[in-house]
Amino acid sequence: MEKNQKNVIMIDWKKQKEYSKKLLENTIKLIDKIEVESTTFSLEINSTSLKESSCDINELVEYTFSKIDFDPIYCIQLIDENCSKEIGQAFDIAKKNKIEGRCYSKYNKRSSKTLYVGISQEKSFQKRMREHLGAGSKSTYALNLQYWIPDNIQIKISVFKPNIPEYDKKEHLNLMELLEQSLWDKLEPMMGKRSGQL
C-alpha cells in the first residue's frame, strides 16, 4: 500500500485549470486574427454523370483541385435541399448493407442541404476528395457517393481558405479543427463526425 502511495503523481489541479484558461485565451486571440475566404476551387457534378463508367474521378479531382496550395476547409452540399430525405434514405441503406464492401461515414439521421464538412492538409486533399466521390480505398471512411447516390442529384464541393498569420503546425491544426467544428454546428451535415475540441 505504501509503495503505491509513493508512485502517485501529485498535481496542483487549481494551477492546471488556470493554465488551461490561458491556453484558451491564447487560442481566442489567434482566432481573432484568422481570415477565411471563399475560393474558386469548387466542383459541381450531377450524380448520374458521377456513376457513369466514363467518369474518371481521379482526372476530375486532379483538374479541379490540383492548384490548391493551402490546407482547406470544405463542404459537400446538395444544390436542391428538397432531395435530402431521399439522399438520407439511400445513404442509410448503403451504410447498413456495406455496399461494395466500403466504409461509409457516420450517418447523423437528419435532413440538411449539407452532406459533409471537413478539413484536410494540402497534400492529402485530392485523395480525400477521391474518397468522398468513390475512388478511394474501401477501408477509409468517406461518403463514397458513386456507389449509392440516386440519379439526377446535383452536388457541389466548396473550398475555403483559412489565412492563419501566426503559423505553428500544432496550433494550426487545432485552429483548423475549431473552424471546422463551428461550421459543422452551423450547417448540421447529414454525414460525418463533429470534431471534438469544444
N, C-alpha and C. Protein backbone atom coordinates (compact mmCIF):
# COMPACT_ATOMS: atom_id res chain seq x y z
N MET A 1 0.83 -1.20 0.00
CA MET A 1 0.00 0.00 0.00
C MET A 1 0.86 1.25 0.00
N GLU A 2 1.91 1.27 0.86
CA GLU A 2 2.80 2.42 0.92
C GLU A 2 3.53 2.62 -0.40
N LYS A 3 3.90 1.50 -1.02
CA LYS A 3 4.61 1.58 -2.31
C LYS A 3 3.75 2.28 -3.37
N ASN A 4 2.46 1.93 -3.40
CA ASN A 4 1.55 2.55 -4.35
C ASN A 4 1.41 4.04 -4.09
N GLN A 5 1.36 4.43 -2.82
CA GLN A 5 1.24 5.85 -2.49
C GLN A 5 2.46 6.63 -2.95
N LYS A 6 3.63 6.04 -2.91
CA LYS A 6 4.84 6.72 -3.36
C LYS A 6 4.81 6.98 -4.86
N ASN A 7 4.11 6.12 -5.60
CA ASN A 7 4.05 6.26 -7.06
C ASN A 7 2.97 7.21 -7.54
N VAL A 8 2.15 7.72 -6.62
CA VAL A 8 1.08 8.64 -7.01
C VAL A 8 1.69 9.98 -7.41
N ILE A 9 1.28 10.49 -8.56
CA ILE A 9 1.77 11.79 -9.03
C ILE A 9 0.91 12.88 -8.41
N MET A 10 1.54 13.80 -7.74
CA MET A 10 0.81 14.90 -7.11
C MET A 10 0.72 16.06 -8.10
N ILE A 11 -0.51 16.51 -8.36
CA ILE A 11 -0.74 17.60 -9.31
C ILE A 11 -1.60 18.65 -8.64
N ASP A 12 -1.19 19.90 -8.79
CA ASP A 12 -1.99 21.02 -8.30
C ASP A 12 -3.00 21.36 -9.39
N TRP A 13 -4.23 20.83 -9.27
CA TRP A 13 -5.23 20.99 -10.33
C TRP A 13 -5.74 22.41 -10.42
N LYS A 14 -5.64 23.15 -9.35
CA LYS A 14 -6.03 24.57 -9.42
C LYS A 14 -5.12 25.32 -10.39
N LYS A 15 -3.83 25.05 -10.28
CA LYS A 15 -2.87 25.67 -11.20
C LYS A 15 -3.07 25.16 -12.63
N GLN A 16 -3.39 23.88 -12.77
CA GLN A 16 -3.60 23.31 -14.10
C GLN A 16 -4.81 23.95 -14.79
N LYS A 17 -5.86 24.21 -13.99
CA LYS A 17 -7.04 24.85 -14.57
C LYS A 17 -6.73 26.27 -15.03
N GLU A 18 -5.92 26.96 -14.27
CA GLU A 18 -5.51 28.32 -14.67
C GLU A 18 -4.69 28.28 -15.97
N TYR A 19 -3.83 27.28 -16.07
CA TYR A 19 -3.04 27.12 -17.29
C TYR A 19 -3.95 26.81 -18.48
N SER A 20 -4.96 25.96 -18.26
CA SER A 20 -5.91 25.65 -19.33
C SER A 20 -6.63 26.90 -19.81
N LYS A 21 -6.99 27.76 -18.88
CA LYS A 21 -7.66 29.03 -19.24
C LYS A 21 -6.75 29.89 -20.11
N LYS A 22 -5.47 29.92 -19.77
CA LYS A 22 -4.51 30.72 -20.56
C LYS A 22 -4.39 30.17 -21.98
N LEU A 23 -4.39 28.84 -22.10
CA LEU A 23 -4.35 28.22 -23.42
C LEU A 23 -5.55 28.64 -24.26
N LEU A 24 -6.73 28.63 -23.64
CA LEU A 24 -7.94 29.04 -24.35
C LEU A 24 -7.91 30.51 -24.71
N GLU A 25 -7.40 31.34 -23.81
CA GLU A 25 -7.29 32.78 -24.10
C GLU A 25 -6.37 33.02 -25.30
N ASN A 26 -5.27 32.30 -25.36
CA ASN A 26 -4.34 32.42 -26.49
C ASN A 26 -5.00 31.96 -27.79
N THR A 27 -5.79 30.89 -27.71
CA THR A 27 -6.49 30.39 -28.89
C THR A 27 -7.50 31.42 -29.40
N ILE A 28 -8.22 32.07 -28.48
CA ILE A 28 -9.19 33.10 -28.87
C ILE A 28 -8.48 34.25 -29.58
N LYS A 29 -7.31 34.64 -29.07
CA LYS A 29 -6.54 35.73 -29.71
C LYS A 29 -6.13 35.34 -31.12
N LEU A 30 -5.73 34.08 -31.29
CA LEU A 30 -5.33 33.62 -32.63
C LEU A 30 -6.53 33.57 -33.58
N ILE A 31 -7.67 33.11 -33.08
CA ILE A 31 -8.87 33.03 -33.93
C ILE A 31 -9.27 34.42 -34.42
N ASP A 32 -9.09 35.44 -33.57
CA ASP A 32 -9.41 36.81 -33.98
C ASP A 32 -8.59 37.27 -35.18
N LYS A 33 -7.41 36.69 -35.34
CA LYS A 33 -6.52 37.10 -36.43
C LYS A 33 -6.74 36.32 -37.73
N ILE A 34 -7.56 35.27 -37.66
CA ILE A 34 -7.78 34.43 -38.84
C ILE A 34 -8.80 35.07 -39.78
N GLU A 35 -8.51 34.99 -41.06
CA GLU A 35 -9.49 35.36 -42.08
C GLU A 35 -9.73 34.13 -42.95
N VAL A 36 -11.00 33.85 -43.22
CA VAL A 36 -11.34 32.71 -44.07
C VAL A 36 -12.00 33.25 -45.32
N GLU A 37 -11.49 32.84 -46.48
CA GLU A 37 -12.03 33.34 -47.74
C GLU A 37 -12.57 32.21 -48.61
N SER A 38 -13.61 32.54 -49.35
CA SER A 38 -14.12 31.60 -50.36
C SER A 38 -13.10 31.52 -51.48
N THR A 39 -13.08 30.41 -52.19
CA THR A 39 -12.14 30.26 -53.30
C THR A 39 -12.90 29.88 -54.57
N THR A 40 -12.19 29.91 -55.67
CA THR A 40 -12.79 29.48 -56.94
C THR A 40 -12.65 27.97 -57.13
N PHE A 41 -12.04 27.29 -56.17
CA PHE A 41 -11.90 25.84 -56.25
C PHE A 41 -13.21 25.20 -55.83
N SER A 42 -14.03 24.85 -56.78
CA SER A 42 -15.29 24.19 -56.46
C SER A 42 -15.63 23.22 -57.59
N LEU A 43 -16.44 22.26 -57.23
CA LEU A 43 -16.84 21.25 -58.21
C LEU A 43 -18.34 21.03 -58.11
N GLU A 44 -19.03 21.22 -59.21
CA GLU A 44 -20.45 20.87 -59.29
C GLU A 44 -20.56 19.67 -60.22
N ILE A 45 -21.27 18.66 -59.76
CA ILE A 45 -21.40 17.45 -60.57
C ILE A 45 -22.78 16.84 -60.38
N ASN A 46 -23.29 16.26 -61.46
CA ASN A 46 -24.56 15.55 -61.42
C ASN A 46 -24.28 14.09 -61.06
N SER A 47 -25.08 13.54 -60.17
CA SER A 47 -24.83 12.17 -59.70
C SER A 47 -24.90 11.14 -60.82
N THR A 48 -25.73 11.39 -61.81
CA THR A 48 -25.82 10.45 -62.94
C THR A 48 -24.49 10.39 -63.67
N SER A 49 -23.88 11.56 -63.89
CA SER A 49 -22.56 11.61 -64.55
C SER A 49 -21.50 10.94 -63.70
N LEU A 50 -21.59 11.15 -62.39
CA LEU A 50 -20.60 10.57 -61.46
C LEU A 50 -20.61 9.04 -61.54
N LYS A 51 -21.77 8.45 -61.76
CA LYS A 51 -21.90 6.99 -61.76
C LYS A 51 -21.63 6.35 -63.11
N GLU A 52 -21.48 7.17 -64.14
CA GLU A 52 -21.20 6.60 -65.47
C GLU A 52 -19.80 6.01 -65.52
N SER A 53 -19.65 4.94 -66.27
CA SER A 53 -18.35 4.28 -66.38
C SER A 53 -17.30 5.19 -67.02
N SER A 54 -17.75 6.16 -67.80
CA SER A 54 -16.81 7.07 -68.47
C SER A 54 -16.29 8.16 -67.53
N CYS A 55 -16.87 8.27 -66.33
CA CYS A 55 -16.43 9.30 -65.38
C CYS A 55 -15.12 8.87 -64.73
N ASP A 56 -14.07 9.64 -64.96
CA ASP A 56 -12.77 9.38 -64.35
C ASP A 56 -12.62 10.31 -63.15
N ILE A 57 -12.92 9.79 -61.97
CA ILE A 57 -12.89 10.61 -60.75
C ILE A 57 -11.49 11.16 -60.49
N ASN A 58 -10.47 10.34 -60.70
CA ASN A 58 -9.09 10.80 -60.48
C ASN A 58 -8.77 12.02 -61.36
N GLU A 59 -9.16 11.94 -62.61
CA GLU A 59 -8.90 13.03 -63.55
C GLU A 59 -9.71 14.27 -63.17
N LEU A 60 -10.94 14.08 -62.80
CA LEU A 60 -11.83 15.18 -62.40
C LEU A 60 -11.27 15.93 -61.19
N VAL A 61 -10.84 15.18 -60.19
CA VAL A 61 -10.29 15.77 -58.96
C VAL A 61 -8.98 16.49 -59.26
N GLU A 62 -8.12 15.86 -60.05
CA GLU A 62 -6.84 16.48 -60.43
C GLU A 62 -7.07 17.80 -61.16
N TYR A 63 -7.98 17.80 -62.11
CA TYR A 63 -8.27 19.00 -62.90
C TYR A 63 -8.82 20.13 -62.02
N THR A 64 -9.69 19.78 -61.09
CA THR A 64 -10.38 20.80 -60.28
C THR A 64 -9.53 21.32 -59.12
N PHE A 65 -8.76 20.44 -58.48
CA PHE A 65 -8.14 20.82 -57.21
C PHE A 65 -6.60 20.80 -57.20
N SER A 66 -5.97 20.58 -58.33
CA SER A 66 -4.50 20.42 -58.34
C SER A 66 -3.74 21.69 -57.94
N LYS A 67 -4.34 22.84 -58.06
CA LYS A 67 -3.62 24.09 -57.74
C LYS A 67 -3.84 24.57 -56.31
N ILE A 68 -4.50 23.77 -55.51
CA ILE A 68 -4.68 24.16 -54.11
C ILE A 68 -3.34 24.05 -53.39
N ASP A 69 -2.92 25.15 -52.78
CA ASP A 69 -1.61 25.19 -52.09
C ASP A 69 -1.77 25.63 -50.63
N PHE A 70 -2.87 25.21 -50.02
CA PHE A 70 -3.15 25.55 -48.63
C PHE A 70 -3.97 24.41 -48.02
N ASP A 71 -4.07 24.41 -46.70
CA ASP A 71 -4.89 23.41 -46.01
C ASP A 71 -6.34 23.90 -46.01
N PRO A 72 -7.23 23.24 -46.76
CA PRO A 72 -8.59 23.77 -46.92
C PRO A 72 -9.61 23.26 -45.90
N ILE A 73 -10.66 24.06 -45.76
CA ILE A 73 -11.90 23.64 -45.14
C ILE A 73 -12.85 23.42 -46.31
N TYR A 74 -13.64 22.36 -46.28
CA TYR A 74 -14.52 22.12 -47.42
C TYR A 74 -15.90 21.66 -46.94
N CYS A 75 -16.88 21.87 -47.80
CA CYS A 75 -18.20 21.29 -47.53
C CYS A 75 -18.78 20.74 -48.82
N ILE A 76 -19.49 19.65 -48.67
CA ILE A 76 -20.16 18.97 -49.79
C ILE A 76 -21.65 19.15 -49.57
N GLN A 77 -22.30 19.79 -50.53
CA GLN A 77 -23.71 20.16 -50.35
C GLN A 77 -24.57 19.75 -51.54
N LEU A 78 -25.86 19.66 -51.28
CA LEU A 78 -26.85 19.44 -52.31
C LEU A 78 -27.24 20.80 -52.89
N ILE A 79 -27.39 20.88 -54.20
CA ILE A 79 -27.88 22.12 -54.80
C ILE A 79 -29.36 22.29 -54.45
N ASP A 80 -30.10 21.20 -54.43
CA ASP A 80 -31.52 21.23 -54.10
C ASP A 80 -31.76 20.51 -52.78
N GLU A 81 -32.07 21.26 -51.75
CA GLU A 81 -32.26 20.69 -50.42
C GLU A 81 -33.49 19.78 -50.35
N ASN A 82 -34.40 19.93 -51.29
CA ASN A 82 -35.63 19.14 -51.26
C ASN A 82 -35.40 17.63 -51.41
N CYS A 83 -34.22 17.26 -51.91
CA CYS A 83 -33.95 15.82 -52.09
C CYS A 83 -33.17 15.22 -50.91
N SER A 84 -33.05 15.97 -49.81
CA SER A 84 -32.24 15.49 -48.69
C SER A 84 -32.81 14.23 -48.03
N LYS A 85 -34.13 14.10 -47.98
CA LYS A 85 -34.73 12.89 -47.39
C LYS A 85 -34.38 11.66 -48.22
N GLU A 86 -34.50 11.79 -49.53
CA GLU A 86 -34.15 10.69 -50.45
C GLU A 86 -32.68 10.31 -50.32
N ILE A 87 -31.84 11.33 -50.20
CA ILE A 87 -30.39 11.12 -50.03
C ILE A 87 -30.11 10.37 -48.73
N GLY A 88 -30.74 10.81 -47.66
CA GLY A 88 -30.54 10.17 -46.36
C GLY A 88 -30.92 8.70 -46.37
N GLN A 89 -32.05 8.40 -46.99
CA GLN A 89 -32.50 7.01 -47.06
C GLN A 89 -31.53 6.15 -47.87
N ALA A 90 -31.08 6.69 -49.00
CA ALA A 90 -30.15 5.94 -49.86
C ALA A 90 -28.82 5.69 -49.14
N PHE A 91 -28.34 6.70 -48.43
CA PHE A 91 -27.07 6.56 -47.70
C PHE A 91 -27.21 5.53 -46.57
N ASP A 92 -28.31 5.60 -45.85
CA ASP A 92 -28.56 4.68 -44.74
C ASP A 92 -28.54 3.23 -45.23
N ILE A 93 -29.16 2.98 -46.37
CA ILE A 93 -29.17 1.63 -46.96
C ILE A 93 -27.76 1.19 -47.34
N ALA A 94 -27.01 2.12 -47.97
CA ALA A 94 -25.64 1.80 -48.38
C ALA A 94 -24.76 1.46 -47.18
N LYS A 95 -24.90 2.25 -46.13
CA LYS A 95 -24.10 2.04 -44.92
C LYS A 95 -24.46 0.73 -44.23
N LYS A 96 -25.74 0.48 -44.08
CA LYS A 96 -26.19 -0.75 -43.40
C LYS A 96 -25.78 -2.00 -44.18
N ASN A 97 -25.84 -1.92 -45.51
CA ASN A 97 -25.53 -3.09 -46.35
C ASN A 97 -24.06 -3.14 -46.79
N LYS A 98 -23.28 -2.14 -46.37
CA LYS A 98 -21.85 -2.07 -46.74
C LYS A 98 -21.66 -2.32 -48.24
N ILE A 99 -22.40 -1.55 -49.03
CA ILE A 99 -22.35 -1.71 -50.49
C ILE A 99 -20.92 -1.64 -51.00
N GLU A 100 -20.57 -2.60 -51.84
CA GLU A 100 -19.23 -2.74 -52.42
C GLU A 100 -18.15 -2.92 -51.35
N GLY A 101 -18.54 -3.33 -50.15
CA GLY A 101 -17.58 -3.57 -49.08
C GLY A 101 -16.87 -2.33 -48.59
N ARG A 102 -17.51 -1.18 -48.76
CA ARG A 102 -16.88 0.09 -48.41
C ARG A 102 -17.25 0.56 -47.01
N CYS A 103 -16.37 1.39 -46.45
CA CYS A 103 -16.62 2.00 -45.14
C CYS A 103 -17.26 3.37 -45.36
N TYR A 104 -18.45 3.55 -44.82
CA TYR A 104 -19.19 4.79 -45.02
C TYR A 104 -19.14 5.66 -43.76
N SER A 105 -19.11 6.96 -43.97
CA SER A 105 -19.09 7.91 -42.87
C SER A 105 -20.30 7.71 -41.95
N LYS A 106 -20.23 8.29 -40.78
CA LYS A 106 -21.34 8.24 -39.84
C LYS A 106 -22.57 8.91 -40.45
N TYR A 107 -23.73 8.33 -40.23
CA TYR A 107 -25.00 8.92 -40.68
C TYR A 107 -25.66 9.60 -39.48
N ASN A 108 -25.91 10.90 -39.58
CA ASN A 108 -26.44 11.67 -38.46
C ASN A 108 -27.97 11.71 -38.39
N LYS A 109 -28.62 11.04 -39.34
CA LYS A 109 -30.07 10.86 -39.34
C LYS A 109 -30.82 12.18 -39.19
N ARG A 110 -30.46 13.14 -40.02
CA ARG A 110 -31.20 14.39 -40.06
C ARG A 110 -31.21 14.92 -41.48
N SER A 111 -32.13 15.81 -41.74
CA SER A 111 -32.26 16.38 -43.08
C SER A 111 -31.45 17.68 -43.14
N SER A 112 -30.67 17.83 -44.20
CA SER A 112 -29.84 19.03 -44.34
C SER A 112 -29.42 19.19 -45.80
N LYS A 113 -29.15 20.41 -46.18
CA LYS A 113 -28.59 20.67 -47.52
C LYS A 113 -27.14 20.19 -47.58
N THR A 114 -26.48 20.19 -46.42
CA THR A 114 -25.06 19.84 -46.35
C THR A 114 -24.88 18.34 -46.07
N LEU A 115 -24.10 17.70 -46.91
CA LEU A 115 -23.80 16.28 -46.70
C LEU A 115 -22.62 16.11 -45.75
N TYR A 116 -21.59 16.97 -45.90
CA TYR A 116 -20.35 16.72 -45.18
C TYR A 116 -19.56 18.02 -45.02
N VAL A 117 -18.92 18.17 -43.87
CA VAL A 117 -18.00 19.30 -43.62
C VAL A 117 -16.68 18.69 -43.17
N GLY A 118 -15.57 19.18 -43.71
CA GLY A 118 -14.28 18.62 -43.33
C GLY A 118 -13.13 19.59 -43.50
N ILE A 119 -11.99 19.18 -42.98
CA ILE A 119 -10.73 19.88 -43.21
C ILE A 119 -9.73 18.86 -43.75
N SER A 120 -8.70 19.37 -44.37
CA SER A 120 -7.68 18.48 -44.92
C SER A 120 -6.36 19.21 -44.99
N GLN A 121 -5.29 18.47 -44.94
CA GLN A 121 -4.00 19.06 -45.26
C GLN A 121 -3.87 19.12 -46.77
N GLU A 122 -3.16 20.11 -47.23
CA GLU A 122 -3.00 20.34 -48.68
C GLU A 122 -2.58 19.07 -49.41
N LYS A 123 -1.60 18.36 -48.86
CA LYS A 123 -1.03 17.21 -49.57
C LYS A 123 -2.00 16.03 -49.69
N SER A 124 -3.02 15.98 -48.83
CA SER A 124 -3.94 14.85 -48.88
C SER A 124 -5.36 15.24 -49.33
N PHE A 125 -5.54 16.50 -49.75
CA PHE A 125 -6.88 16.95 -50.10
C PHE A 125 -7.45 16.23 -51.32
N GLN A 126 -6.65 16.09 -52.37
CA GLN A 126 -7.16 15.39 -53.56
C GLN A 126 -7.53 13.95 -53.24
N LYS A 127 -6.73 13.31 -52.42
CA LYS A 127 -7.01 11.93 -52.00
C LYS A 127 -8.36 11.88 -51.27
N ARG A 128 -8.58 12.86 -50.40
CA ARG A 128 -9.83 12.89 -49.64
C ARG A 128 -11.03 13.10 -50.55
N MET A 129 -10.88 13.94 -51.56
CA MET A 129 -11.99 14.17 -52.50
C MET A 129 -12.29 12.91 -53.32
N ARG A 130 -11.24 12.19 -53.70
CA ARG A 130 -11.46 10.93 -54.42
C ARG A 130 -12.22 9.94 -53.55
N GLU A 131 -11.89 9.91 -52.26
CA GLU A 131 -12.57 9.01 -51.34
C GLU A 131 -14.05 9.35 -51.23
N HIS A 132 -14.35 10.62 -51.08
CA HIS A 132 -15.75 11.03 -50.95
C HIS A 132 -16.54 10.74 -52.22
N LEU A 133 -15.92 10.92 -53.36
CA LEU A 133 -16.61 10.68 -54.63
C LEU A 133 -16.73 9.18 -54.94
N GLY A 134 -15.83 8.37 -54.39
CA GLY A 134 -15.96 6.92 -54.54
C GLY A 134 -14.78 6.22 -55.17
N ALA A 135 -13.65 6.91 -55.32
CA ALA A 135 -12.48 6.29 -55.96
C ALA A 135 -11.33 6.08 -54.98
N GLY A 136 -11.64 6.02 -53.70
CA GLY A 136 -10.60 5.82 -52.71
C GLY A 136 -10.56 4.40 -52.20
N SER A 137 -9.80 4.19 -51.15
CA SER A 137 -9.68 2.87 -50.54
C SER A 137 -11.00 2.45 -49.90
N LYS A 138 -11.30 1.18 -50.01
CA LYS A 138 -12.54 0.65 -49.40
C LYS A 138 -12.53 0.80 -47.88
N SER A 139 -11.34 0.77 -47.29
CA SER A 139 -11.24 0.75 -45.83
C SER A 139 -11.24 2.14 -45.19
N THR A 140 -11.31 3.20 -46.00
CA THR A 140 -11.31 4.56 -45.47
C THR A 140 -12.74 5.07 -45.36
N TYR A 141 -13.09 5.60 -44.20
CA TYR A 141 -14.44 6.13 -44.00
C TYR A 141 -14.62 7.40 -44.82
N ALA A 142 -15.64 7.38 -45.69
CA ALA A 142 -15.92 8.51 -46.57
C ALA A 142 -17.35 8.38 -47.07
N LEU A 143 -17.79 9.36 -47.86
CA LEU A 143 -19.15 9.31 -48.42
C LEU A 143 -19.29 8.23 -49.49
N ASN A 144 -18.25 8.02 -50.30
CA ASN A 144 -18.31 7.03 -51.39
C ASN A 144 -19.56 7.24 -52.27
N LEU A 145 -19.78 8.48 -52.67
CA LEU A 145 -21.00 8.88 -53.37
C LEU A 145 -21.35 8.02 -54.58
N GLN A 146 -20.36 7.66 -55.33
CA GLN A 146 -20.57 6.94 -56.59
C GLN A 146 -21.38 5.66 -56.41
N TYR A 147 -21.33 5.05 -55.23
CA TYR A 147 -21.89 3.73 -55.04
C TYR A 147 -23.35 3.71 -54.56
N TRP A 148 -23.87 4.86 -54.18
CA TRP A 148 -25.22 4.82 -53.60
C TRP A 148 -26.12 6.00 -53.98
N ILE A 149 -25.57 7.09 -54.44
CA ILE A 149 -26.39 8.29 -54.63
C ILE A 149 -27.41 8.09 -55.75
N PRO A 150 -28.65 8.51 -55.53
CA PRO A 150 -29.67 8.40 -56.58
C PRO A 150 -29.32 9.24 -57.81
N ASP A 151 -29.97 8.95 -58.92
CA ASP A 151 -29.71 9.69 -60.17
C ASP A 151 -30.22 11.13 -60.09
N ASN A 152 -29.60 11.95 -60.95
CA ASN A 152 -30.00 13.35 -61.16
C ASN A 152 -30.02 14.20 -59.89
N ILE A 153 -29.01 14.00 -59.06
CA ILE A 153 -28.81 14.84 -57.88
C ILE A 153 -27.61 15.73 -58.15
N GLN A 154 -27.79 17.03 -58.00
CA GLN A 154 -26.69 17.98 -58.18
C GLN A 154 -25.96 18.18 -56.86
N ILE A 155 -24.65 18.03 -56.91
CA ILE A 155 -23.80 18.17 -55.72
C ILE A 155 -22.76 19.25 -55.98
N LYS A 156 -22.43 19.99 -54.94
CA LYS A 156 -21.36 20.99 -55.05
C LYS A 156 -20.36 20.82 -53.91
N ILE A 157 -19.08 20.79 -54.28
CA ILE A 157 -18.00 20.80 -53.29
C ILE A 157 -17.42 22.20 -53.27
N SER A 158 -17.47 22.87 -52.12
CA SER A 158 -16.94 24.23 -51.97
C SER A 158 -15.71 24.19 -51.08
N VAL A 159 -14.72 25.01 -51.42
CA VAL A 159 -13.45 25.02 -50.70
C VAL A 159 -13.19 26.42 -50.14
N PHE A 160 -12.77 26.47 -48.87
CA PHE A 160 -12.48 27.73 -48.19
C PHE A 160 -11.03 27.74 -47.73
N LYS A 161 -10.44 28.93 -47.79
CA LYS A 161 -9.02 29.07 -47.44
C LYS A 161 -8.88 29.87 -46.15
N PRO A 162 -8.42 29.22 -45.06
CA PRO A 162 -8.16 29.97 -43.83
C PRO A 162 -6.76 30.58 -43.89
N ASN A 163 -6.67 31.86 -43.61
CA ASN A 163 -5.38 32.54 -43.52
C ASN A 163 -5.03 32.70 -42.04
N ILE A 164 -4.08 31.91 -41.60
CA ILE A 164 -3.68 31.92 -40.20
C ILE A 164 -2.30 32.57 -40.11
N PRO A 165 -2.23 33.83 -39.65
CA PRO A 165 -0.97 34.58 -39.72
C PRO A 165 0.16 34.03 -38.86
N GLU A 166 -0.15 33.58 -37.64
CA GLU A 166 0.90 33.09 -36.76
C GLU A 166 0.95 31.57 -36.90
N TYR A 167 1.87 31.12 -37.73
CA TYR A 167 1.86 29.70 -38.11
C TYR A 167 2.70 28.86 -37.16
N ASP A 168 2.05 27.89 -36.58
CA ASP A 168 2.69 26.85 -35.79
C ASP A 168 1.92 25.58 -36.13
N LYS A 169 2.59 24.54 -36.58
CA LYS A 169 1.89 23.38 -37.15
C LYS A 169 0.85 22.79 -36.19
N LYS A 170 1.24 22.61 -34.93
CA LYS A 170 0.29 22.02 -33.98
C LYS A 170 -0.89 22.96 -33.75
N GLU A 171 -0.60 24.23 -33.51
CA GLU A 171 -1.66 25.20 -33.26
C GLU A 171 -2.52 25.40 -34.50
N HIS A 172 -1.87 25.34 -35.66
CA HIS A 172 -2.57 25.49 -36.94
C HIS A 172 -3.67 24.43 -37.08
N LEU A 173 -3.33 23.18 -36.78
CA LEU A 173 -4.31 22.10 -36.88
C LEU A 173 -5.42 22.26 -35.86
N ASN A 174 -5.08 22.71 -34.64
CA ASN A 174 -6.09 22.96 -33.62
C ASN A 174 -7.08 24.02 -34.08
N LEU A 175 -6.56 25.11 -34.66
CA LEU A 175 -7.41 26.20 -35.13
C LEU A 175 -8.28 25.75 -36.29
N MET A 176 -7.70 24.96 -37.19
CA MET A 176 -8.47 24.43 -38.31
C MET A 176 -9.64 23.58 -37.79
N GLU A 177 -9.38 22.76 -36.79
CA GLU A 177 -10.43 21.92 -36.23
C GLU A 177 -11.53 22.75 -35.58
N LEU A 178 -11.15 23.85 -34.91
CA LEU A 178 -12.15 24.72 -34.31
C LEU A 178 -13.02 25.39 -35.37
N LEU A 179 -12.40 25.81 -36.46
CA LEU A 179 -13.16 26.41 -37.56
C LEU A 179 -14.11 25.38 -38.18
N GLU A 180 -13.60 24.18 -38.37
CA GLU A 180 -14.43 23.10 -38.92
C GLU A 180 -15.62 22.82 -37.99
N GLN A 181 -15.34 22.79 -36.71
CA GLN A 181 -16.37 22.48 -35.73
C GLN A 181 -17.47 23.54 -35.74
N SER A 182 -17.10 24.81 -35.83
CA SER A 182 -18.11 25.87 -35.83
C SER A 182 -18.94 25.82 -37.11
N LEU A 183 -18.30 25.48 -38.24
CA LEU A 183 -19.04 25.35 -39.49
C LEU A 183 -19.96 24.13 -39.44
N TRP A 184 -19.48 23.05 -38.83
CA TRP A 184 -20.28 21.84 -38.66
C TRP A 184 -21.55 22.15 -37.86
N ASP A 185 -21.38 22.92 -36.78
CA ASP A 185 -22.52 23.29 -35.94
C ASP A 185 -23.53 24.14 -36.71
N LYS A 186 -23.03 25.02 -37.56
CA LYS A 186 -23.92 25.90 -38.32
C LYS A 186 -24.67 25.15 -39.43
N LEU A 187 -23.96 24.30 -40.17
CA LEU A 187 -24.54 23.65 -41.35
C LEU A 187 -25.24 22.32 -41.04
N GLU A 188 -24.92 21.73 -39.89
CA GLU A 188 -25.53 20.47 -39.46
C GLU A 188 -25.55 19.42 -40.57
N PRO A 189 -24.39 18.95 -40.98
CA PRO A 189 -24.33 17.98 -42.09
C PRO A 189 -25.01 16.65 -41.77
N MET A 190 -25.47 16.00 -42.83
CA MET A 190 -26.15 14.71 -42.69
C MET A 190 -25.20 13.58 -42.35
N MET A 191 -23.94 13.72 -42.78
CA MET A 191 -22.97 12.65 -42.57
C MET A 191 -21.69 13.21 -41.93
N GLY A 192 -20.90 12.31 -41.37
CA GLY A 192 -19.61 12.68 -40.80
C GLY A 192 -19.70 12.94 -39.31
N LYS A 193 -18.52 13.08 -38.70
CA LYS A 193 -18.44 13.30 -37.26
C LYS A 193 -18.02 14.74 -36.95
N ARG A 194 -18.50 15.23 -35.84
CA ARG A 194 -18.10 16.55 -35.37
C ARG A 194 -16.75 16.41 -34.66
N SER A 195 -15.80 17.29 -35.00
CA SER A 195 -14.51 17.24 -34.30
C SER A 195 -14.75 17.57 -32.83
N GLY A 196 -13.88 17.11 -31.95
CA GLY A 196 -14.21 17.12 -30.53
C GLY A 196 -13.49 18.08 -29.64
N GLN A 197 -13.05 19.26 -30.14
CA GLN A 197 -12.30 20.14 -29.24
C GLN A 197 -13.18 20.84 -28.21
N LEU A 198 -14.34 21.33 -28.64
CA LEU A 198 -15.23 22.05 -27.70
C LEU A 198 -16.62 21.47 -27.75
